[in-house]
Amino acid sequence: MAWNAWIRQGHRWLSIVFTATVIANFIAMARGEPPAWVVYAPLPPLFLLLFSGLYMFILPYTGRRRAAAETGNLPR
């Protein structure tokens, strides 16, 4: 599998983990004061989603620039 495909698949799984931790957070808050680790549990997947999402956002722009460089049509 190509590197980009790994990033996309990881991003999908991270979104599932993030959603599950947010749901668990709401359930824990409904039952009373949750422990700190439950409150902060969504943050690690959220930061990983940020980085993988930014990477996927930039991919089309770098691909166009790379293709233009190969053909000699660099934008000015």
N, C-alpha and C. Protein backbone atom coordinates (compact mmCIF):
# COMPACT_ATOMS: atom_id res chain seq x y z
N MET A 1 0.86 -1.18 0.00
CA MET A 1 0.00 0.00 0.00
C MET A 1 0.90 1.24 0.00
N ALA A 2 0.51 2.24 -0.75
CA ALA A 2 1.30 3.47 -0.86
C ALA A 2 1.22 4.27 0.44
N TRP A 3 2.17 5.14 0.62
CA TRP A 3 2.25 5.97 1.83
C TRP A 3 0.98 6.79 2.04
N ASN A 4 0.48 7.39 0.97
CA ASN A 4 -0.74 8.20 1.07
C ASN A 4 -1.94 7.36 1.50
N ALA A 5 -2.01 6.13 1.03
CA ALA A 5 -3.11 5.25 1.41
C ALA A 5 -3.03 4.91 2.90
N TRP A 6 -1.82 4.73 3.41
CA TRP A 6 -1.67 4.47 4.85
C TRP A 6 -2.14 5.66 5.67
N ILE A 7 -1.81 6.86 5.22
CA ILE A 7 -2.24 8.07 5.93
C ILE A 7 -3.76 8.17 5.92
N ARG A 8 -4.38 7.94 4.77
CA ARG A 8 -5.83 8.02 4.67
C ARG A 8 -6.52 6.97 5.56
N GLN A 9 -6.00 5.74 5.53
CA GLN A 9 -6.60 4.69 6.34
C GLN A 9 -6.41 4.99 7.83
N GLY A 10 -5.24 5.48 8.20
CA GLY A 10 -5.00 5.87 9.59
C GLY A 10 -5.91 7.00 10.02
N HIS A 11 -6.15 7.93 9.13
CA HIS A 11 -7.04 9.06 9.43
C HIS A 11 -8.46 8.57 9.68
N ARG A 12 -8.90 7.61 8.89
CA ARG A 12 -10.24 7.04 9.09
C ARG A 12 -10.35 6.36 10.44
N TRP A 13 -9.36 5.53 10.79
CA TRP A 13 -9.41 4.83 12.07
C TRP A 13 -9.28 5.79 13.24
N LEU A 14 -8.46 6.82 13.08
CA LEU A 14 -8.35 7.83 14.15
C LEU A 14 -9.67 8.55 14.36
N SER A 15 -10.41 8.79 13.30
CA SER A 15 -11.71 9.46 13.46
C SER A 15 -12.68 8.58 14.24
N ILE A 16 -12.61 7.26 14.04
CA ILE A 16 -13.46 6.34 14.80
C ILE A 16 -13.06 6.36 16.27
N VAL A 17 -11.75 6.32 16.54
CA VAL A 17 -11.27 6.36 17.93
C VAL A 17 -11.65 7.68 18.59
N PHE A 18 -11.50 8.78 17.88
CA PHE A 18 -11.85 10.08 18.42
C PHE A 18 -13.34 10.15 18.76
N THR A 19 -14.17 9.68 17.85
CA THR A 19 -15.62 9.69 18.08
C THR A 19 -15.98 8.84 19.30
N ALA A 20 -15.36 7.69 19.43
CA ALA A 20 -15.64 6.82 20.57
C ALA A 20 -15.23 7.47 21.89
N THR A 21 -14.08 8.16 21.90
CA THR A 21 -13.65 8.82 23.13
C THR A 21 -14.55 9.99 23.49
N VAL A 22 -15.05 10.70 22.50
CA VAL A 22 -15.97 11.81 22.78
C VAL A 22 -17.29 11.27 23.33
N ILE A 23 -17.78 10.19 22.75
CA ILE A 23 -19.02 9.58 23.27
C ILE A 23 -18.81 9.10 24.70
N ALA A 24 -17.68 8.45 24.95
CA ALA A 24 -17.37 7.99 26.31
C ALA A 24 -17.28 9.16 27.27
N ASN A 25 -16.76 10.26 26.80
CA ASN A 25 -16.65 11.46 27.62
C ASN A 25 -18.04 11.97 28.02
N PHE A 26 -18.96 12.03 27.07
CA PHE A 26 -20.32 12.48 27.37
C PHE A 26 -21.03 11.53 28.33
N ILE A 27 -20.83 10.24 28.14
CA ILE A 27 -21.44 9.26 29.04
C ILE A 27 -20.88 9.42 30.45
N ALA A 28 -19.57 9.60 30.55
CA ALA A 28 -18.95 9.78 31.87
C ALA A 28 -19.42 11.07 32.54
N MET A 29 -19.60 12.13 31.78
CA MET A 29 -20.07 13.39 32.35
C MET A 29 -21.52 13.30 32.81
N ALA A 30 -22.32 12.48 32.13
CA ALA A 30 -23.72 12.31 32.52
C ALA A 30 -23.84 11.58 33.86
N ARG A 31 -22.84 10.78 34.18
CA ARG A 31 -22.86 10.01 35.43
C ARG A 31 -22.26 10.77 36.60
N GLY A 32 -21.71 11.92 36.36
CA GLY A 32 -21.10 12.69 37.44
C GLY A 32 -19.77 13.25 37.00
N GLU A 33 -18.95 13.58 37.96
CA GLU A 33 -17.63 14.16 37.67
C GLU A 33 -16.68 13.06 37.17
N PRO A 34 -16.26 13.15 35.89
CA PRO A 34 -15.38 12.11 35.35
C PRO A 34 -13.93 12.34 35.77
N PRO A 35 -13.13 11.29 35.78
CA PRO A 35 -11.71 11.47 36.06
C PRO A 35 -11.03 12.25 34.94
N ALA A 36 -9.90 12.83 35.25
CA ALA A 36 -9.20 13.69 34.28
C ALA A 36 -8.80 12.92 33.02
N TRP A 37 -8.42 11.66 33.17
CA TRP A 37 -7.97 10.93 31.98
C TRP A 37 -9.10 10.73 30.98
N VAL A 38 -10.35 10.67 31.46
CA VAL A 38 -11.49 10.53 30.55
C VAL A 38 -11.72 11.85 29.82
N VAL A 39 -11.56 12.94 30.54
CA VAL A 39 -11.79 14.26 29.93
C VAL A 39 -10.75 14.55 28.85
N TYR A 40 -9.50 14.17 29.10
CA TYR A 40 -8.43 14.47 28.16
C TYR A 40 -8.16 13.36 27.15
N ALA A 41 -8.89 12.26 27.22
CA ALA A 41 -8.69 11.14 26.30
C ALA A 41 -8.89 11.50 24.82
N PRO A 42 -9.82 12.39 24.46
CA PRO A 42 -9.98 12.71 23.03
C PRO A 42 -8.84 13.53 22.43
N LEU A 43 -7.99 14.11 23.26
CA LEU A 43 -6.97 15.02 22.71
C LEU A 43 -5.90 14.33 21.87
N PRO A 44 -5.30 13.21 22.29
CA PRO A 44 -4.28 12.60 21.41
C PRO A 44 -4.80 12.23 20.02
N PRO A 45 -5.97 11.56 19.89
CA PRO A 45 -6.44 11.30 18.53
C PRO A 45 -6.77 12.57 17.76
N LEU A 46 -7.22 13.60 18.48
CA LEU A 46 -7.54 14.86 17.81
C LEU A 46 -6.29 15.50 17.20
N PHE A 47 -5.19 15.49 17.93
CA PHE A 47 -3.96 16.05 17.39
C PHE A 47 -3.43 15.23 16.23
N LEU A 48 -3.54 13.90 16.31
CA LEU A 48 -3.12 13.07 15.19
C LEU A 48 -4.02 13.30 13.98
N LEU A 49 -5.31 13.51 14.21
CA LEU A 49 -6.22 13.84 13.11
C LEU A 49 -5.85 15.18 12.47
N LEU A 50 -5.43 16.12 13.30
CA LEU A 50 -5.01 17.42 12.78
C LEU A 50 -3.84 17.27 11.81
N PHE A 51 -2.82 16.52 12.23
CA PHE A 51 -1.63 16.38 11.39
C PHE A 51 -1.91 15.57 10.13
N SER A 52 -2.67 14.48 10.25
CA SER A 52 -2.97 13.69 9.05
C SER A 52 -3.91 14.46 8.13
N GLY A 53 -4.83 15.23 8.69
CA GLY A 53 -5.73 16.03 7.86
C GLY A 53 -5.00 17.14 7.12
N LEU A 54 -4.06 17.79 7.80
CA LEU A 54 -3.27 18.83 7.13
C LEU A 54 -2.41 18.23 6.02
N TYR A 55 -1.86 17.05 6.28
CA TYR A 55 -1.07 16.37 5.25
C TYR A 55 -1.92 16.09 4.02
N MET A 56 -3.13 15.55 4.23
CA MET A 56 -4.00 15.25 3.09
C MET A 56 -4.50 16.52 2.41
N PHE A 57 -4.64 17.60 3.16
CA PHE A 57 -5.06 18.87 2.57
C PHE A 57 -3.99 19.42 1.64
N ILE A 58 -2.73 19.26 1.99
CA ILE A 58 -1.62 19.82 1.22
C ILE A 58 -1.27 18.95 0.01
N LEU A 59 -1.61 17.68 0.03
CA LEU A 59 -1.24 16.76 -1.05
C LEU A 59 -1.58 17.25 -2.46
N PRO A 60 -2.78 17.72 -2.73
CA PRO A 60 -3.07 18.15 -4.11
C PRO A 60 -2.20 19.31 -4.58
N TYR A 61 -1.87 20.20 -3.67
CA TYR A 61 -1.05 21.36 -4.05
C TYR A 61 0.38 20.96 -4.34
N THR A 62 0.93 20.05 -3.54
CA THR A 62 2.29 19.60 -3.79
C THR A 62 2.35 18.74 -5.05
N GLY A 63 1.29 17.99 -5.31
CA GLY A 63 1.26 17.17 -6.52
C GLY A 63 1.24 18.01 -7.78
N ARG A 64 0.48 19.08 -7.78
CA ARG A 64 0.45 19.98 -8.94
C ARG A 64 1.80 20.64 -9.15
N ARG A 65 2.41 21.06 -8.07
CA ARG A 65 3.71 21.73 -8.18
C ARG A 65 4.77 20.76 -8.69
N ARG A 66 4.73 19.51 -8.20
CA ARG A 66 5.69 18.51 -8.64
C ARG A 66 5.48 18.18 -10.12
N ALA A 67 4.23 18.06 -10.54
CA ALA A 67 3.92 17.77 -11.95
C ALA A 67 4.37 18.92 -12.85
N ALA A 68 4.16 20.15 -12.39
CA ALA A 68 4.58 21.31 -13.18
C ALA A 68 6.09 21.39 -13.27
N ALA A 69 6.78 21.02 -12.21
CA ALA A 69 8.25 21.04 -12.23
C ALA A 69 8.80 20.00 -13.21
N GLU A 70 8.14 18.87 -13.28
CA GLU A 70 8.60 17.81 -14.21
C GLU A 70 8.40 18.22 -15.66
N THR A 71 7.36 18.97 -15.95
CA THR A 71 7.11 19.38 -17.34
C THR A 71 7.76 20.72 -17.67
N GLY A 72 8.27 21.42 -16.67
CA GLY A 72 8.92 22.69 -16.91
C GLY A 72 7.97 23.88 -16.90
N ASN A 73 6.76 23.70 -16.43
CA ASN A 73 5.76 24.76 -16.40
C ASN A 73 5.56 25.28 -14.97
N LEU A 74 6.59 25.74 -14.34
CA LEU A 74 6.46 26.25 -12.97
C LEU A 74 5.69 27.55 -12.94
N PRO A 75 4.75 27.68 -12.01
CA PRO A 75 4.02 28.96 -11.89
C PRO A 75 4.92 30.04 -11.33
N ARG A 76 4.70 31.25 -11.76
CA ARG A 76 5.55 32.36 -11.27
C ARG A 76 4.84 33.15 -10.24
